[in-house]
PDB file of N, CA and C in Angstrom:
ATOM      1  N   MET A   1     107.458  -0.076 -19.609  1.00  0.00           N
ATOM      2  CA  MET A   1     107.501   1.521 -20.127  1.00  0.00           C
ATOM      3  C   MET A   1     108.266   1.635 -21.536  1.00  0.00           C
ATOM      4  N   ASP A   2     107.595   2.125 -22.537  1.00  0.00           N
ATOM      5  CA  ASP A   2     108.104   2.714 -23.634  1.00  0.00           C
ATOM      6  C   ASP A   2     108.803   3.975 -23.473  1.00  0.00           C
ATOM      7  N   LEU A   3     110.007   4.602 -23.399  1.00  0.00           N
ATOM      8  CA  LEU A   3     110.272   5.716 -23.112  1.00  0.00           C
ATOM      9  C   LEU A   3     110.723   6.150 -24.409  1.00  0.00           C
ATOM     10  N   SER A   4     110.738   5.740 -25.772  1.00  0.00           N
ATOM     11  CA  SER A   4     111.271   6.011 -26.848  1.00  0.00           C
ATOM     12  C   SER A   4     110.111   6.831 -27.339  1.00  0.00           C
ATOM     13  N   GLY A   5     108.993   6.818 -26.883  1.00  0.00           N
ATOM     14  CA  GLY A   5     107.720   7.931 -27.542  1.00  0.00           C
ATOM     15  C   GLY A   5     107.850   8.984 -27.591  1.00  0.00           C
ATOM     16  N   GLU A   6     107.523  10.189 -28.429  1.00  0.00           N
ATOM     17  CA  GLU A   6     107.842  11.577 -28.522  1.00  0.00           C
ATOM     18  C   GLU A   6     107.234  12.495 -27.654  1.00  0.00           C
ATOM     19  N   HIS A   7     107.661  13.407 -26.754  1.00  0.00           N
ATOM     20  CA  HIS A   7     107.720  14.383 -25.874  1.00  0.00           C
ATOM     21  C   HIS A   7     106.873  15.453 -26.605  1.00  0.00           C
ATOM     22  N   TYR A   8     105.655  15.918 -26.668  1.00  0.00           N
ATOM     23  CA  TYR A   8     105.616  17.260 -27.243  1.00  0.00           C
ATOM     24  C   TYR A   8     104.705  18.261 -26.339  1.00  0.00           C
ATOM     25  N   ASN A   9     104.638  19.399 -26.726  1.00  0.00           N
ATOM     26  CA  ASN A   9     104.038  20.295 -25.898  1.00  0.00           C
ATOM     27  C   ASN A   9     102.214  19.965 -26.502  1.00  0.00           C
ATOM     28  N   GLY A  10     101.711  20.106 -25.372  1.00  0.00           N
ATOM     29  CA  GLY A  10     100.642  19.929 -25.275  1.00  0.00           C
ATOM     30  C   GLY A  10      99.485  18.513 -25.642  1.00  0.00           C
ATOM     31  N   MET A  11     100.778  17.269 -25.156  1.00  0.00           N
ATOM     32  CA  MET A  11     100.139  16.383 -24.605  1.00  0.00           C
ATOM     33  C   MET A  11      99.993  16.317 -23.436  1.00  0.00           C
ATOM     34  N   PRO A  12      98.555  15.325 -23.297  1.00  0.00           N
ATOM     35  CA  PRO A  12      98.213  14.915 -22.141  1.00  0.00           C
ATOM     36  C   PRO A  12      98.996  14.468 -20.930  1.00  0.00           C
ATOM     37  N   ALA A  13      99.315  15.403 -19.739  1.00  0.00           N
ATOM     38  CA  ALA A  13     100.733  15.061 -18.986  1.00  0.00           C
ATOM     39  C   ALA A  13     100.173  13.490 -18.112  1.00  0.00           C
ATOM     40  N   ALA A  14      99.127  12.756 -18.533  1.00  0.00           N
ATOM     41  CA  ALA A  14      98.997  11.830 -17.614  1.00  0.00           C
ATOM     42  C   ALA A  14      99.834  10.344 -18.614  1.00  0.00           C
ATOM     43  N   ALA A  15     100.031  11.153 -19.562  1.00  0.00           N
ATOM     44  CA  ALA A  15     100.193  10.433 -21.024  1.00  0.00           C
ATOM     45  C   ALA A  15     101.838  10.273 -21.171  1.00  0.00           C
ATOM     46  N   ILE A  16     102.928  11.359 -20.216  1.00  0.00           N
ATOM     47  CA  ILE A  16     104.282  11.411 -20.409  1.00  0.00           C
ATOM     48  C   ILE A  16     104.638  10.396 -19.499  1.00  0.00           C
ATOM     49  N   GLU A  17     105.752   9.511 -20.239  1.00  0.00           N
ATOM     50  CA  GLU A  17     106.528   8.600 -19.756  1.00  0.00           C
ATOM     51  C   GLU A  17     107.597   8.735 -19.272  1.00  0.00           C
ATOM     52  N   SER A  18     108.302   8.392 -18.040  1.00  0.00           N
ATOM     53  CA  SER A  18     109.368   8.959 -17.981  1.00  0.00           C
ATOM     54  C   SER A  18     110.457   8.466 -16.272  1.00  0.00           C
ATOM     55  N   PRO A  19     111.332   7.807 -16.493  1.00  0.00           N
ATOM     56  CA  PRO A  19     112.130   6.859 -15.121  1.00  0.00           C
ATOM     57  C   PRO A  19     111.729   8.025 -13.900  1.00  0.00           C
ATOM     58  N   TYR A  20     111.337   8.830 -14.203  1.00  0.00           N
ATOM     59  CA  TYR A  20     111.924   9.794 -13.735  1.00  0.00           C
ATOM     60  C   TYR A  20     110.559  10.816 -12.453  1.00  0.00           C
ATOM     61  N   PRO A  21     110.965  10.722 -11.309  1.00  0.00           N
ATOM     62  CA  PRO A  21     109.323  11.145 -10.386  1.00  0.00           C
ATOM     63  C   PRO A  21     109.099  12.237 -10.827  1.00  0.00           C
ATOM     64  N   ALA A  22     107.719  13.015 -10.969  1.00  0.00           N
ATOM     65  CA  ALA A  22     107.205  13.897 -10.994  1.00  0.00           C
ATOM     66  C   ALA A  22     107.287  15.228  -9.739  1.00  0.00           C
ATOM     67  N   GLN A  23     107.887  16.087  -9.530  1.00  0.00           N
ATOM     68  CA  GLN A  23     108.054  17.407  -8.491  1.00  0.00           C
ATOM     69  C   GLN A  23     107.242  18.438  -8.766  1.00  0.00           C
ATOM     70  N   LYS A  24     107.120  18.849  -7.174  1.00  0.00           N
ATOM     71  CA  LYS A  24     106.238  20.276  -7.230  1.00  0.00           C
ATOM     72  C   LYS A  24     106.721  20.839  -6.311  1.00  0.00           C
ATOM     73  N   ALA A  25     106.291  21.819  -5.854  1.00  0.00           N
ATOM     74  CA  ALA A  25     107.730  22.472  -4.531  1.00  0.00           C
ATOM     75  C   ALA A  25     106.475  22.444  -3.718  1.00  0.00           C
ATOM     76  N   VAL A  26     107.504  22.486  -2.708  1.00  0.00           N
ATOM     77  CA  VAL A  26     106.752  21.802  -0.998  1.00  0.00           C
ATOM     78  C   VAL A  26     105.929  23.110  -0.974  1.00  0.00           C
ATOM     79  N   LYS A  27     105.503  24.071  -1.054  1.00  0.00           N
ATOM     80  CA  LYS A  27     105.046  25.562  -1.096  1.00  0.00           C
ATOM     81  C   LYS A  27     103.699  25.257  -1.413  1.00  0.00           C
ATOM     82  N   SER A  28     103.395  24.178  -2.755  1.00  0.00           N
ATOM     83  CA  SER A  28     102.604  24.346  -2.984  1.00  0.00           C
ATOM     84  C   SER A  28     101.559  22.927  -2.631  1.00  0.00           C
ATOM     85  N   GLN A  29     102.363  22.407  -2.180  1.00  0.00           N
ATOM     86  CA  GLN A  29     101.546  20.970  -1.485  1.00  0.00           C
ATOM     87  C   GLN A  29     100.735  21.099  -0.732  1.00  0.00           C
ATOM     88  N   GLY A  30      99.765  20.354  -0.474  1.00  0.00           N
ATOM     89  CA  GLY A  30      98.278  20.385   0.020  1.00  0.00           C
ATOM     90  C   GLY A  30      97.467  21.999   0.247  1.00  0.00           C
ATOM     91  N   LEU A  31      97.800  22.672  -0.902  1.00  0.00           N
ATOM     92  CA  LEU A  31      97.171  24.017  -1.287  1.00  0.00           C
ATOM     93  C   LEU A  31      96.068  23.892  -2.334  1.00  0.00           C
ATOM     94  N   GLY A  32      95.962  22.848  -2.932  1.00  0.00           N
ATOM     95  CA  GLY A  32      95.515  22.594  -4.168  1.00  0.00           C
ATOM     96  C   GLY A  32      96.053  23.522  -5.456  1.00  0.00           C
ATOM     97  N   GLU A  33      97.304  24.157  -4.776  1.00  0.00           N
ATOM     98  CA  GLU A  33      98.045  24.719  -6.306  1.00  0.00           C
ATOM     99  C   GLU A  33      99.308  24.789  -6.922  1.00  0.00           C
ATOM    100  N   CYS A  34      98.978  23.706  -7.585  1.00  0.00           N
ATOM    101  CA  CYS A  34     100.440  22.625  -8.060  1.00  0.00           C
ATOM    102  C   CYS A  34     100.983  22.482  -9.274  1.00  0.00           C
ATOM    103  N   VAL A  35     101.833  22.901  -9.574  1.00  0.00           N
ATOM    104  CA  VAL A  35     102.610  23.402 -10.770  1.00  0.00           C
ATOM    105  C   VAL A  35     103.731  22.024 -11.078  1.00  0.00           C
ATOM    106  N   THR A  36     103.807  21.176 -11.790  1.00  0.00           N
ATOM    107  CA  THR A  36     104.396  19.494 -11.481  1.00  0.00           C
ATOM    108  C   THR A  36     105.612  19.497 -12.224  1.00  0.00           C
ATOM    109  N   MET A  37     106.860  20.110 -12.005  1.00  0.00           N
ATOM    110  CA  MET A  37     107.395  19.666 -13.229  1.00  0.00           C
ATOM    111  C   MET A  37     108.229  18.022 -13.164  1.00  0.00           C
ATOM    112  N   ARG A  38     108.786  17.339 -14.358  1.00  0.00           N
ATOM    113  CA  ARG A  38     109.021  16.009 -14.473  1.00  0.00           C
ATOM    114  C   ARG A  38     110.290  16.042 -15.739  1.00  0.00           C
ATOM    115  N   ARG A  39     111.307  15.357 -15.609  1.00  0.00           N
ATOM    116  CA  ARG A  39     112.395  15.765 -16.110  1.00  0.00           C
ATOM    117  C   ARG A  39     111.687  14.719 -17.416  1.00  0.00           C
ATOM    118  N   LEU A  40     112.232  14.292 -18.348  1.00  0.00           N
ATOM    119  CA  LEU A  40     112.201  13.475 -19.312  1.00  0.00           C
ATOM    120  C   LEU A  40     113.496  12.990 -19.737  1.00  0.00           C
ATOM    121  N   PRO A  41     113.619  11.979 -20.652  1.00  0.00           N
ATOM    122  CA  PRO A  41     114.690  11.061 -20.516  1.00  0.00           C
ATOM    123  C   PRO A  41     115.647  12.098 -21.921  1.00  0.00           C
ATOM    124  N   ASP A  42     115.363  12.557 -22.376  1.00  0.00           N
ATOM    125  CA  ASP A  42     116.032  13.327 -23.201  1.00  0.00           C
ATOM    126  C   ASP A  42     116.626  14.705 -22.800  1.00  0.00           C
ATOM    127  N   GLY A  43     116.297  14.867 -21.756  1.00  0.00           N
ATOM    128  CA  GLY A  43     116.732  15.957 -20.718  1.00  0.00           C
ATOM    129  C   GLY A  43     115.739  17.031 -20.264  1.00  0.00           C
ATOM    130  N   ARG A  44     114.862  16.939 -21.412  1.00  0.00           N
ATOM    131  CA  ARG A  44     113.876  18.143 -21.037  1.00  0.00           C
ATOM    132  C   ARG A  44     113.036  17.854 -19.634  1.00  0.00           C
ATOM    133  N   VAL A  45     112.011  18.852 -19.893  1.00  0.00           N
ATOM    134  CA  VAL A  45     111.659  19.149 -18.814  1.00  0.00           C
ATOM    135  C   VAL A  45     109.775  19.579 -18.868  1.00  0.00           C
ATOM    136  N   ALA A  46     108.993  18.800 -18.397  1.00  0.00           N
ATOM    137  CA  ALA A  46     107.401  18.606 -18.927  1.00  0.00           C
ATOM    138  C   ALA A  46     106.712  19.455 -17.542  1.00  0.00           C
ATOM    139  N   VAL A  47     106.242  20.742 -17.596  1.00  0.00           N
ATOM    140  CA  VAL A  47     105.414  21.346 -16.712  1.00  0.00           C
ATOM    141  C   VAL A  47     103.736  21.164 -16.549  1.00  0.00           C
ATOM    142  N   PHE A  48     103.456  20.904 -15.840  1.00  0.00           N
ATOM    143  CA  PHE A  48     101.787  20.923 -15.733  1.00  0.00           C
ATOM    144  C   PHE A  48     101.196  21.413 -14.691  1.00  0.00           C
ATOM    145  N   ASN A  49      99.514  21.318 -14.597  1.00  0.00           N
ATOM    146  CA  ASN A  49      99.384  21.252 -13.752  1.00  0.00           C
ATOM    147  C   ASN A  49      98.749  19.370 -13.114  1.00  0.00           C
ATOM    148  N   SER A  50      99.005  19.435 -11.620  1.00  0.00           N
ATOM    149  CA  SER A  50      98.683  18.148 -11.182  1.00  0.00           C
ATOM    150  C   SER A  50      96.857  17.859 -10.803  1.00  0.00           C
ATOM    151  N   LYS A  51      96.667  19.099 -10.878  1.00  0.00           N
ATOM    152  CA  LYS A  51      95.094  19.402 -10.919  1.00  0.00           C
ATOM    153  C   LYS A  51      94.336  18.312 -11.849  1.00  0.00           C
ATOM    154  N   ASP A  52      94.803  18.693 -12.969  1.00  0.00           N
ATOM    155  CA  ASP A  52      94.197  18.278 -14.430  1.00  0.00           C
ATOM    156  C   ASP A  52      95.603  17.339 -15.138  1.00  0.00           C
ATOM    157  N   PRO A  53      95.591  16.113 -14.392  1.00  0.00           N
ATOM    158  CA  PRO A  53      96.154  15.225 -15.164  1.00  0.00           C
ATOM    159  C   PRO A  53      96.139  14.747 -16.726  1.00  0.00           C
ATOM    160  N   GLY A  54      95.040  14.948 -16.946  1.00  0.00           N
ATOM    161  CA  GLY A  54      94.413  14.813 -18.616  1.00  0.00           C
ATOM    162  C   GLY A  54      94.975  16.090 -19.348  1.00  0.00           C
ATOM    163  N   GLY A  55      95.268  16.799 -18.324  1.00  0.00           N
ATOM    164  CA  GLY A  55      95.463  18.412 -19.424  1.00  0.00           C
ATOM    165  C   GLY A  55      96.594  18.066 -20.093  1.00  0.00           C
ATOM    166  N   PRO A  56      96.649  19.814 -20.837  1.00  0.00           N
ATOM    167  CA  PRO A  56      98.123  19.400 -21.606  1.00  0.00           C
ATOM    168  C   PRO A  56      99.246  19.894 -20.625  1.00  0.00           C
ATOM    169  N   ALA A  57     100.869  19.461 -21.178  1.00  0.00           N
ATOM    170  CA  ALA A  57     101.947  19.570 -20.502  1.00  0.00           C
ATOM    171  C   ALA A  57     102.740  20.720 -21.560  1.00  0.00           C
ATOM    172  N   LEU A  58     103.308  21.244 -21.041  1.00  0.00           N
ATOM    173  CA  LEU A  58     104.267  22.379 -22.100  1.00  0.00           C
ATOM    174  C   LEU A  58     105.708  21.678 -21.421  1.00  0.00           C
ATOM    175  N   VAL A  59     106.185  21.292 -22.575  1.00  0.00           N
ATOM    176  CA  VAL A  59     107.840  20.597 -22.535  1.00  0.00           C
ATOM    177  C   VAL A  59     109.216  21.876 -23.021  1.00  0.00           C
ATOM    178  N   PHE A  60     109.723  21.744 -22.681  1.00  0.00           N
ATOM    179  CA  PHE A  60     110.908  22.930 -22.168  1.00  0.00           C
ATOM    180  C   PHE A  60     112.098  22.172 -22.253  1.00  0.00           C
ATOM    181  N   THR A  61     113.177  22.861 -23.192  1.00  0.00           N
ATOM    182  CA  THR A  61     114.125  22.605 -23.219  1.00  0.00           C
ATOM    183  C   THR A  61     115.490  22.953 -21.990  1.00  0.00           C
ATOM    184  N   ARG A  62     116.148  22.139 -21.387  1.00  0.00           N
ATOM    185  CA  ARG A  62     117.181  22.719 -19.978  1.00  0.00           C
ATOM    186  C   ARG A  62     117.675  23.999 -20.509  1.00  0.00           C
ATOM    187  N   PRO A  63     117.731  24.591 -21.472  1.00  0.00           N
ATOM    188  CA  PRO A  63     118.087  26.053 -21.517  1.00  0.00           C
ATOM    189  C   PRO A  63     117.130  26.986 -21.445  1.00  0.00           C
ATOM    190  N   GLU A  64     115.644  26.662 -21.777  1.00  0.00           N
ATOM    191  CA  GLU A  64     114.363  27.665 -21.300  1.00  0.00           C
ATOM    192  C   GLU A  64     114.487  27.476 -20.038  1.00  0.00           C
ATOM    193  N   ILE A  65     114.702  26.223 -19.449  1.00  0.00           N
ATOM    194  CA  ILE A  65     113.956  26.181 -17.879  1.00  0.00           C
ATOM    195  C   ILE A  65     114.744  27.076 -17.760  1.00  0.00           C
ATOM    196  N   ASP A  66     116.392  26.770 -17.543  1.00  0.00           N
ATOM    197  CA  ASP A  66     117.672  27.309 -16.885  1.00  0.00           C
ATOM    198  C   ASP A  66     117.330  28.979 -17.093  1.00  0.00           C
ATOM    199  N   ALA A  67     116.942  29.338 -18.063  1.00  0.00           N
ATOM    200  CA  ALA A  67     116.827  30.770 -18.044  1.00  0.00           C
ATOM    201  C   ALA A  67     115.516  31.151 -17.663  1.00  0.00           C
ATOM    202  N   TRP A  68     114.479  30.717 -17.394  1.00  0.00           N
ATOM    203  CA  TRP A  68     113.129  30.611 -16.773  1.00  0.00           C
ATOM    204  C   TRP A  68     113.692  31.008 -15.350  1.00  0.00           C
ATOM    205  N   LEU A  69     114.428  30.171 -14.740  1.00  0.00           N
ATOM    206  CA  LEU A  69     114.640  30.113 -12.972  1.00  0.00           C
ATOM    207  C   LEU A  69     115.373  30.527 -12.715  1.00  0.00           C
ATOM    208  N   ASP A  70     116.148  31.143 -13.586  1.00  0.00           N
ATOM    209  CA  ASP A  70     117.371  32.301 -13.621  1.00  0.00           C
ATOM    210  C   ASP A  70     116.513  33.787 -13.190  1.00  0.00           C
ATOM    211  N   GLY A  71     115.751  33.914 -14.237  1.00  0.00           N
ATOM    212  CA  GLY A  71     114.364  35.007 -14.493  1.00  0.00           C
ATOM    213  C   GLY A  71     113.547  34.822 -12.506  1.00  0.00           C
ATOM    214  N   ALA A  72     113.402  33.661 -12.318  1.00  0.00           N
ATOM    215  CA  ALA A  72     112.427  33.764 -11.157  1.00  0.00           C
ATOM    216  C   ALA A  72     113.087  34.132 -10.120  1.00  0.00           C
ATOM    217  N   LYS A  73     114.455  33.759 -10.063  1.00  0.00           N
ATOM    218  CA  LYS A  73     115.095  34.013  -8.820  1.00  0.00           C
ATOM    219  C   LYS A  73     115.899  35.464  -8.382  1.00  0.00           C
ATOM    220  N   LYS A  74     115.777  36.211 -10.083  1.00  0.00           N
ATOM    221  CA  LYS A  74     116.146  37.277  -9.629  1.00  0.00           C
ATOM    222  C   LYS A  74     114.839  38.743  -9.996  1.00  0.00           C
ATOM    223  N   GLU A  75     113.517  37.532  -9.501  1.00  0.00           N
ATOM    224  CA  GLU A  75     112.031  38.473  -9.294  1.00  0.00           C
ATOM    225  C   GLU A  75     111.864  38.997 -10.414  1.00  0.00           C
ATOM    226  N   GLU A  76     112.325  38.818 -11.980  1.00  0.00           N
ATOM    227  CA  GLU A  76     111.884  39.231 -13.025  1.00  0.00           C
ATOM    228  C   GLU A  76     110.189  38.902 -13.413  1.00  0.00           C
ATOM    229  N   PHE A  77     109.677  38.404 -12.928  1.00  0.00           N
ATOM    230  CA  PHE A  77     108.332  37.849 -13.136  1.00  0.00           C
ATOM    231  C   PHE A  77     107.339  38.529 -11.863  1.00  0.00           C
ATOM    232  N   ASP A  78     107.813  38.979 -11.158  1.00  0.00           N
ATOM    233  CA  ASP A  78     107.259  39.083  -9.489  1.00  0.00           C
ATOM    234  C   ASP A  78     106.312  40.296  -9.780  1.00  0.00           C
ATOM    235  N   ASN A  79     106.190  40.831 -11.169  1.00  0.00           N
ATOM    236  CA  ASN A  79     105.376  42.064 -11.587  1.00  0.00           C
ATOM    237  C   ASN A  79     103.822  41.371 -11.501  1.00  0.00           C
ATOM    238  N   LEU A  80     103.763  40.069 -12.650  1.00  0.00           N
ATOM    239  CA  LEU A  80     102.792  39.357 -12.673  1.00  0.00           C
ATOM    240  C   LEU A  80     101.586  39.456 -11.591  1.00  0.00           C
ATOM    241  N   LEU A  81     102.118  39.159 -10.270  1.00  0.00           N
ATOM    242  CA  LEU A  81     101.518  38.629  -9.205  1.00  0.00           C
ATOM    243  C   LEU A  81     100.713  39.884  -8.401  1.00  0.00           C
ATOM    244  N   THR A  82     101.364  40.909  -9.252  1.00  0.00           N
ATOM    245  CA  THR A  82     100.714  42.169  -8.245  1.00  0.00           C
ATOM    246  C   THR A  82      99.374  43.351  -9.133  1.00  0.00           C
TER     247      THR A  82
END
């Protein structure tokens, strides 16, 4: 596995190579609603829809993921669900 390749926004999720396993929330498993995340070798995180492995991935830095998780924990995005 060649891990030296560049990971970029919009690359096919299936093309992401990383020694770290993909991970999705337990709540989404079995429901067909799978937002999947995968740590990349350089510390960034790829986010993609596991139902569409050829679809695009979004790649975020650790500070970007930290900010999003903080907002999610503080329910800052709950208004998007109503």
